[in-house]
Each structure stands twice: as C-alpha cells, then as structure tokens.
Protein backbone atom coordinates (compact mmCIF):
# COMPACT_ATOMS: atom_id res chain seq x y z
CA MET A 1 103.39 105.73 83.23
CA VAL A 2 105.67 108.09 85.12
CA GLN A 3 104.05 110.56 87.50
CA ALA A 4 106.01 113.76 88.05
CA SER A 5 105.77 116.50 90.63
CA ASP A 6 108.07 118.36 92.96
CA TRP A 7 108.08 118.94 96.67
CA ARG A 8 109.65 120.66 99.62
CA THR A 9 109.86 119.18 103.08
CA PRO A 10 106.17 118.38 103.03
CA LEU A 11 103.74 120.36 105.12
CA SER A 12 101.17 117.61 104.63
CA ALA A 13 100.92 114.21 102.91
CA MET A 14 99.24 116.01 99.99
CA ASP A 15 101.85 118.76 99.56
CA ARG A 16 103.29 118.95 96.03
CA LEU A 17 104.85 121.79 94.05
CA ILE A 18 105.11 122.75 90.42
CA PRO A 19 107.98 120.76 88.82
CA GLY A 20 111.22 122.65 89.11
CA SER A 21 110.19 124.66 92.15
CA GLY A 22 111.13 122.11 94.80
CA ILE A 23 114.00 119.84 95.75
CA ILE A 24 113.44 116.70 93.66
CA PRO A 25 116.18 116.20 91.01
CA LEU A 26 113.57 115.72 88.28
CA GLY A 27 115.93 115.96 85.33
CA GLY A 28 118.04 113.10 86.60
CA LEU A 29 115.00 110.99 87.38
CA LEU A 30 113.41 111.60 83.99
CA HIS A 31 116.64 110.78 82.17
CA ALA A 32 117.14 107.64 84.26
CA THR A 33 113.70 106.35 83.27
CA TRP A 34 114.48 107.11 79.61
CA GLU A 35 117.86 105.40 79.78
CA ALA A 36 116.17 102.36 81.37
CA GLY A 37 114.04 102.07 78.23
CA PHE A 38 110.79 103.67 79.36
CA ARG A 39 108.98 105.36 76.47
CA GLY A 40 105.54 105.74 77.99
CA VAL A 41 103.51 108.66 79.23
CA CYS A 42 104.70 111.19 81.79
CA THR A 43 101.82 112.70 83.76
CA LEU A 44 101.71 115.59 86.15
CA GLU A 45 100.85 114.65 89.73
CA ILE A 46 99.07 117.44 91.58
CA PHE A 47 98.30 116.82 95.23
CA SER A 48 98.01 120.04 97.15
CA SER A 49 95.82 120.32 100.20
CA ASP A 50 96.18 121.37 103.80
CA VAL A 51 98.87 123.93 102.90
CA PRO A 52 98.46 127.72 102.74
CA ASP A 53 99.84 128.00 99.18
CA SER A 54 97.86 125.08 97.75
CA LEU A 55 98.03 124.59 93.98
CA TYR A 56 94.28 123.94 94.18
CA LYS A 57 93.77 127.63 95.03
CA GLN A 58 95.68 128.80 91.94
CA ASP A 59 94.52 129.14 88.35
CA LEU A 60 94.57 125.57 86.99
CA HIS A 61 95.62 126.64 83.50
CA GLU A 62 98.58 128.53 84.95
CA VAL A 63 99.56 125.58 87.18
CA ILE A 64 99.53 123.28 84.13
CA ARG A 65 101.49 125.77 82.00
CA LEU A 66 104.13 126.32 84.67
CA SER A 67 104.33 122.57 85.35
CA ARG A 68 104.88 121.78 81.68
CA GLU A 69 107.59 124.43 81.49
CA GLY A 70 109.18 123.07 84.68
CA LEU A 71 109.27 119.52 83.33
CA GLY A 72 110.80 120.72 80.07
CA ARG A 73 113.41 122.77 81.90
CA ALA A 74 114.30 119.82 84.13
CA TRP A 75 114.78 117.59 81.07
CA TYR A 76 116.86 120.05 79.04
CA ASP A 77 118.89 121.46 81.93
CA HIS A 78 119.92 117.94 82.95
CA ARG A 79 120.81 117.05 79.36
CA GLU A 80 123.01 120.15 79.13
CA LYS A 81 124.63 119.25 82.43
CA ILE A 82 125.61 115.76 81.29
CA THR A 83 126.66 116.69 77.75
CA GLY A 84 128.43 119.93 78.61
C-alpha cells in the first residue's frame, strides 16, 4: 500500500495538506512506484492536528474530494510532463 499526502514545512508532526497543495513532488513519486512494479492500493493519509488550518476542522467530504482530485492531477500532470 502507498500512503499519499502533501505537506509544507511542517508546523507540527501531524501537519499534512491536501495532495497537490504542498511541496511534495507527488506525481514523480506515484509514477516511480508504478514503474517499480507496484500495483497495489494508494490511500490518502490525513494527519492534521495542532495547526490553525487543520484538515480535521474542514468538511470531510470536501477534503476527500479535493484530495482525490489532487492525486489525479499529480498523476496526469507528471505524465504530461514526461511524455510532452
């Protein structure tokens, strides 16, 4: 299983962001796991406490929707980048 999230310079050990809204190069990481032969599950990792804009304080359905869109964008944007 691959766990995906994004982050900034963390404000706490439990500080994660919606995929695509931070600094992790998710597209490259996801493609690298695929190219290495991984065909398992990719799960969303949501840790978000002790920060003023905690994901826990937001609408969970919206966090999941935006996270799914962010993961998809990371995958397809990276693919476009490498294939031109």
